[in-house]
C-alpha atoms as a PDB file:
ATOM      1  CA  MET A   1       0.000   0.000   0.000  1.00  0.00           C
ATOM      2  CA  ILE A   2       2.846   2.359   0.815  1.00  0.00           C
ATOM      3  CA  GLY A   3       4.578   1.526  -2.476  1.00  0.00           C
ATOM      4  CA  VAL A   4       1.441   2.352  -4.476  1.00  0.00           C
ATOM      5  CA  GLY A   5       1.121   5.657  -2.661  1.00  0.00           C
ATOM      6  CA  ALA A   6       4.786   6.467  -3.297  1.00  0.00           C
ATOM      7  CA  GLN A   7       4.401   5.760  -7.017  1.00  0.00           C
ATOM      8  CA  ILE A   8       1.341   7.988  -7.223  1.00  0.00           C
ATOM      9  CA  TRP A   9       3.162  10.724  -5.296  1.00  0.00           C
ATOM     10  CA  ASN A  10       6.196  10.562  -7.598  1.00  0.00           C
ATOM     11  CA  GLY A  11       4.004  10.566 -10.713  1.00  0.00           C
ATOM     12  CA  SER A  12       5.362   7.396 -12.251  1.00  0.00           C
ATOM     13  CA  THR A  13       3.982   6.368 -15.639  1.00  0.00           C
ATOM     14  CA  THR A  14       4.284   2.662 -14.817  1.00  0.00           C
ATOM     15  CA  LEU A  15       1.151   2.915 -12.719  1.00  0.00           C
ATOM     16  CA  LEU A  16      -0.657   4.978 -15.340  1.00  0.00           C
ATOM     17  CA  ILE A  17      -0.912   2.159 -17.916  1.00  0.00           C
ATOM     18  CA  PRO A  18      -2.718  -0.354 -15.633  1.00  0.00           C
ATOM     19  CA  VAL A  19      -5.091   2.368 -14.428  1.00  0.00           C
ATOM     20  CA  ILE A  20      -5.961   3.265 -18.022  1.00  0.00           C
ATOM     21  CA  LEU A  21      -6.528  -0.407 -18.911  1.00  0.00           C
ATOM     22  CA  VAL A  22      -8.803  -0.930 -15.910  1.00  0.00           C
ATOM     23  CA  ALA A  23     -10.754   2.213 -16.824  1.00  0.00           C
ATOM     24  CA  ILE A  24     -11.209   1.029 -20.425  1.00  0.00           C
ATOM     25  CA  VAL A  25     -12.432  -2.396 -19.317  1.00  0.00           C
ATOM     26  CA  PHE A  26     -14.833  -0.789 -16.840  1.00  0.00           C
ATOM     27  CA  LEU A  27     -16.241   1.584 -19.466  1.00  0.00           C
ATOM     28  CA  LEU A  28     -16.702  -1.247 -21.973  1.00  0.00           C
ATOM     29  CA  TYR A  29     -18.489  -3.242 -19.292  1.00  0.00           C
ATOM     30  CA  LYS A  30     -20.830  -0.398 -18.370  1.00  0.00           C
ATOM     31  CA  PHE A  31     -21.382   0.886 -21.925  1.00  0.00           C
ATOM     32  CA  PRO A  32     -20.888  -1.994 -24.388  1.00  0.00           C
ATOM     33  CA  PRO A  33     -20.592  -1.274 -28.123  1.00  0.00           C
ATOM     34  CA  SER A  34     -23.816  -1.482 -30.126  1.00  0.00           C
ATOM     35  CA  ARG A  35     -22.960  -4.806 -31.776  1.00  0.00           C
ATOM     36  CA  PHE A  36     -22.886  -6.511 -28.359  1.00  0.00           C
ATOM     37  CA  ARG A  37     -26.168  -5.034 -27.107  1.00  0.00           C
ATOM     38  CA  ARG A  38     -28.497  -7.506 -28.831  1.00  0.00           C
ATOM     39  CA  GLY A  39     -29.674  -9.001 -25.546  1.00  0.00           C
ATOM     40  CA  PHE A  40     -30.632  -5.628 -24.064  1.00  0.00           C
ATOM     41  CA  ARG A  41     -33.307  -4.636 -26.601  1.00  0.00           C
ATOM     42  CA  ALA A  42     -36.890  -4.284 -25.523  1.00  0.00           C
ATOM     43  CA  ARG A  43     -39.088  -7.177 -26.567  1.00  0.00           C
ATOM     44  CA  SER A  44     -41.306  -6.749 -29.557  1.00  0.00           C
ATOM     45  CA  GLU A  45     -44.734  -8.288 -30.034  1.00  0.00           C
ATOM     46  CA  SER A  46     -43.370 -10.971 -32.358  1.00  0.00           C
ATOM     47  CA  ALA A  47     -40.760 -11.964 -29.768  1.00  0.00           C
ATOM     48  CA  ARG A  48     -43.464 -12.339 -27.140  1.00  0.00           C
ATOM     49  CA  TYR A  49     -45.537 -14.417 -29.564  1.00  0.00           C
ATOM     50  CA  ARG A  50     -42.571 -16.695 -30.288  1.00  0.00           C
ATOM     51  CA  GLN A  51     -41.947 -17.169 -26.573  1.00  0.00           C
ATOM     52  CA  THR A  52     -45.559 -18.131 -25.868  1.00  0.00           C
ATOM     53  CA  ALA A  53     -45.536 -20.481 -28.858  1.00  0.00           C
ATOM     54  CA  LYS A  54     -42.396 -22.151 -27.470  1.00  0.00           C
ATOM     55  CA  SER A  55     -43.915 -22.582 -24.036  1.00  0.00           C
ATOM     56  CA  GLN A  56     -47.121 -24.002 -25.520  1.00  0.00           C
ATOM     57  CA  ALA A  57     -45.110 -26.481 -27.600  1.00  0.00           C
ATOM     58  CA  ARG A  58     -43.160 -27.511 -24.502  1.00  0.00           C
ATOM     59  CA  HIS A  59     -46.386 -28.106 -22.565  1.00  0.00           C
ATOM     60  CA  ARG A  60     -47.730 -30.137 -25.496  1.00  0.00           C
ATOM     61  CA  ARG A  61     -44.584 -32.308 -25.538  1.00  0.00           C
ATOM     62  CA  GLU A  62     -44.826 -32.878 -21.779  1.00  0.00           C
ATOM     63  CA  ALA A  63     -48.450 -33.975 -22.186  1.00  0.00           C
ATOM     64  CA  ASP A  64     -47.456 -36.371 -24.997  1.00  0.00           C
ATOM     65  CA  LYS A  65     -44.754 -37.894 -22.801  1.00  0.00           C
ATOM     66  CA  ALA A  66     -47.276 -38.517 -20.044  1.00  0.00           C
ATOM     67  CA  LYS A  67     -49.560 -40.408 -22.477  1.00  0.00           C
ATOM     68  CA  ARG A  68     -46.847 -42.819 -23.627  1.00  0.00           C
ATOM     69  CA  ARG A  69     -46.902 -46.373 -22.399  1.00  0.00           C
ATOM     70  CA  THR A  70     -43.625 -47.672 -21.027  1.00  0.00           C
ATOM     71  CA  ALA A  71     -42.117 -50.628 -22.865  1.00  0.00           C
ATOM     72  CA  THR A  72     -41.822 -53.948 -21.069  1.00  0.00           C
ATOM     73  CA  PHE A  73     -38.325 -55.097 -20.206  1.00  0.00           C
ATOM     74  CA  ARG A  74     -37.228 -58.162 -22.160  1.00  0.00           C
ATOM     75  CA  VAL A  75     -34.101 -60.226 -21.590  1.00  0.00           C
ATOM     76  CA  ILE A  76     -32.532 -61.730 -24.678  1.00  0.00           C
ATOM     77  CA  GLU A  77     -30.760 -64.977 -23.930  1.00  0.00           C
ATOM     78  CA  GLY A  78     -27.125 -64.944 -24.963  1.00  0.00           C
ATOM     79  CA  THR A  79     -24.724 -67.706 -25.987  1.00  0.00           C
ATOM     80  CA  LYS A  80     -22.328 -67.394 -23.025  1.00  0.00           C
ATOM     81  CA  PRO A  81     -22.270 -70.232 -20.502  1.00  0.00           C
ATOM     82  CA  ARG A  82     -24.361 -69.571 -17.421  1.00  0.00           C
ATOM     83  CA  ASP A  83     -21.953 -69.831 -14.507  1.00  0.00           C
ATOM     84  CA  ASP A  84     -23.534 -68.828 -11.222  1.00  0.00           C
ATOM     85  CA  GLU A  85     -20.164 -69.006  -9.488  1.00  0.00           C
ATOM     86  CA  PRO A  86     -17.985 -65.902  -9.243  1.00  0.00           C
ATOM     87  CA  PRO A  87     -14.711 -65.929 -11.191  1.00  0.00           C
ATOM     88  CA  THR A  88     -11.636 -67.399  -9.502  1.00  0.00           C
ATOM     89  CA  TYR A  89      -9.685 -64.145  -9.514  1.00  0.00           C
ATOM     90  CA  HIS A  90     -12.067 -62.388  -7.123  1.00  0.00           C
END
């Protein structure tokens, strides 16, 4: 803390570069360029319609899943020998 204060007091330019970089990053964070602002636009009527259509489709899919009958579990007999004993290396 004392070293930072001494550099500020002496007016060193080595501290000026990091301060400028931090200020630029902060300003870009607070005020992003227009090409990165797509998510911050106000919603239009068509966007609201698309969102309700998506939610209705999701509810429809959930209802279809509830109507499905679960398949019965079938065991297919294989050709391996049926040894009920555990292997010798256990």
